[in-house]
Amino acid sequence: MCYNFGVDAYNLKRYEESSYWLR
């Protein structure tokens, strides 16, 4: 569960960074 949480947080961070650069 902790592993999945870490992966979700990592993906969310990447998604936010991608959205920031695509703006």
PDB file of N, CA and C in Angstrom:
ATOM      1  N   MET A   1       0.850  -1.199   0.000  1.00  0.00           N
ATOM      2  CA  MET A   1       0.000   0.000   0.000  1.00  0.00           C
ATOM      3  C   MET A   1       0.887   1.251   0.000  1.00  0.00           C
ATOM      4  N   CYS A   2       1.898   1.259   0.827  1.00  0.00           N
ATOM      5  CA  CYS A   2       2.797   2.415   0.872  1.00  0.00           C
ATOM      6  C   CYS A   2       3.482   2.573  -0.480  1.00  0.00           C
ATOM      7  N   TYR A   3       3.812   1.430  -1.096  1.00  0.00           N
ATOM      8  CA  TYR A   3       4.484   1.478  -2.401  1.00  0.00           C
ATOM      9  C   TYR A   3       3.560   2.126  -3.429  1.00  0.00           C
ATOM     10  N   ASN A   4       2.296   1.689  -3.453  1.00  0.00           N
ATOM     11  CA  ASN A   4       1.330   2.253  -4.397  1.00  0.00           C
ATOM     12  C   ASN A   4       1.157   3.745  -4.143  1.00  0.00           C
ATOM     13  N   PHE A   5       1.129   4.134  -2.886  1.00  0.00           N
ATOM     14  CA  PHE A   5       0.956   5.549  -2.549  1.00  0.00           C
ATOM     15  C   PHE A   5       2.133   6.355  -3.099  1.00  0.00           C
ATOM     16  N   GLY A   6       3.327   5.804  -2.958  1.00  0.00           N
ATOM     17  CA  GLY A   6       4.525   6.491  -3.450  1.00  0.00           C
ATOM     18  C   GLY A   6       4.474   6.630  -4.966  1.00  0.00           C
ATOM     19  N   VAL A   7       4.021   5.571  -5.641  1.00  0.00           N
ATOM     20  CA  VAL A   7       3.932   5.604  -7.105  1.00  0.00           C
ATOM     21  C   VAL A   7       2.893   6.630  -7.528  1.00  0.00           C
ATOM     22  N   ASP A   8       1.761   6.660  -6.861  1.00  0.00           N
ATOM     23  CA  ASP A   8       0.704   7.625  -7.196  1.00  0.00           C
ATOM     24  C   ASP A   8       1.223   9.045  -7.000  1.00  0.00           C
ATOM     25  N   ALA A   9       1.924   9.279  -5.910  1.00  0.00           N
ATOM     26  CA  ALA A   9       2.441  10.614  -5.632  1.00  0.00           C
ATOM     27  C   ALA A   9       3.464  10.992  -6.697  1.00  0.00           C
ATOM     28  N   TYR A  10       4.292  10.018  -7.102  1.00  0.00           N
ATOM     29  CA  TYR A  10       5.311  10.277  -8.129  1.00  0.00           C
ATOM     30  C   TYR A  10       4.642  10.617  -9.459  1.00  0.00           C
ATOM     31  N   ASN A  11       3.628   9.835  -9.836  1.00  0.00           N
ATOM     32  CA  ASN A  11       2.914  10.089 -11.091  1.00  0.00           C
ATOM     33  C   ASN A  11       2.202  11.431 -11.027  1.00  0.00           C
ATOM     34  N   LEU A  12       1.617  11.748  -9.881  1.00  0.00           N
ATOM     35  CA  LEU A  12       0.905  13.013  -9.742  1.00  0.00           C
ATOM     36  C   LEU A  12       1.884  14.171  -9.888  1.00  0.00           C
ATOM     37  N   LYS A  13       3.077  14.033  -9.312  1.00  0.00           N
ATOM     38  CA  LYS A  13       4.091  15.075  -9.412  1.00  0.00           C
ATOM     39  C   LYS A  13       4.490  15.272 -10.870  1.00  0.00           C
ATOM     40  N   ARG A  14       4.679  14.168 -11.588  1.00  0.00           N
ATOM     41  CA  ARG A  14       5.046  14.269 -12.997  1.00  0.00           C
ATOM     42  C   ARG A  14       3.921  14.921 -13.781  1.00  0.00           C
ATOM     43  N   TYR A  15       2.694  14.543 -13.472  1.00  0.00           N
ATOM     44  CA  TYR A  15       1.540  15.097 -14.186  1.00  0.00           C
ATOM     45  C   TYR A  15       1.455  16.608 -13.956  1.00  0.00           C
ATOM     46  N   GLU A  16       1.664  17.033 -12.728  1.00  0.00           N
ATOM     47  CA  GLU A  16       1.583  18.461 -12.418  1.00  0.00           C
ATOM     48  C   GLU A  16       2.698  19.211 -13.132  1.00  0.00           C
ATOM     49  N   GLU A  17       3.901  18.628 -13.161  1.00  0.00           N
ATOM     50  CA  GLU A  17       5.025  19.288 -13.826  1.00  0.00           C
ATOM     51  C   GLU A  17       4.753  19.386 -15.325  1.00  0.00           C
ATOM     52  N   SER A  18       4.191  18.314 -15.904  1.00  0.00           N
ATOM     53  CA  SER A  18       3.886  18.314 -17.336  1.00  0.00           C
ATOM     54  C   SER A  18       2.853  19.395 -17.636  1.00  0.00           C
ATOM     55  N   SER A  19       1.821  19.489 -16.801  1.00  0.00           N
ATOM     56  CA  SER A  19       0.777  20.492 -17.017  1.00  0.00           C
ATOM     57  C   SER A  19       1.375  21.890 -16.913  1.00  0.00           C
ATOM     58  N   TYR A  20       2.322  22.063 -15.995  1.00  0.00           N
ATOM     59  CA  TYR A  20       2.950  23.369 -15.812  1.00  0.00           C
ATOM     60  C   TYR A  20       3.711  23.777 -17.076  1.00  0.00           C
ATOM     61  N   TRP A  21       4.454  22.830 -17.646  1.00  0.00           N
ATOM     62  CA  TRP A  21       5.244  23.156 -18.836  1.00  0.00           C
ATOM     63  C   TRP A  21       4.363  23.302 -20.070  1.00  0.00           C
ATOM     64  N   LEU A  22       3.233  22.576 -20.101  1.00  0.00           N
ATOM     65  CA  LEU A  22       2.362  22.647 -21.279  1.00  0.00           C
ATOM     66  C   LEU A  22       1.525  23.922 -21.280  1.00  0.00           C
ATOM     67  N   ARG A  23       1.482  24.615 -20.148  1.00  0.00           N
ATOM     68  CA  ARG A  23       0.657  25.816 -20.073  1.00  0.00           C
ATOM     69  C   ARG A  23       1.232  26.920 -20.937  1.00  0.00           C
TER      70      ARG A  23
END
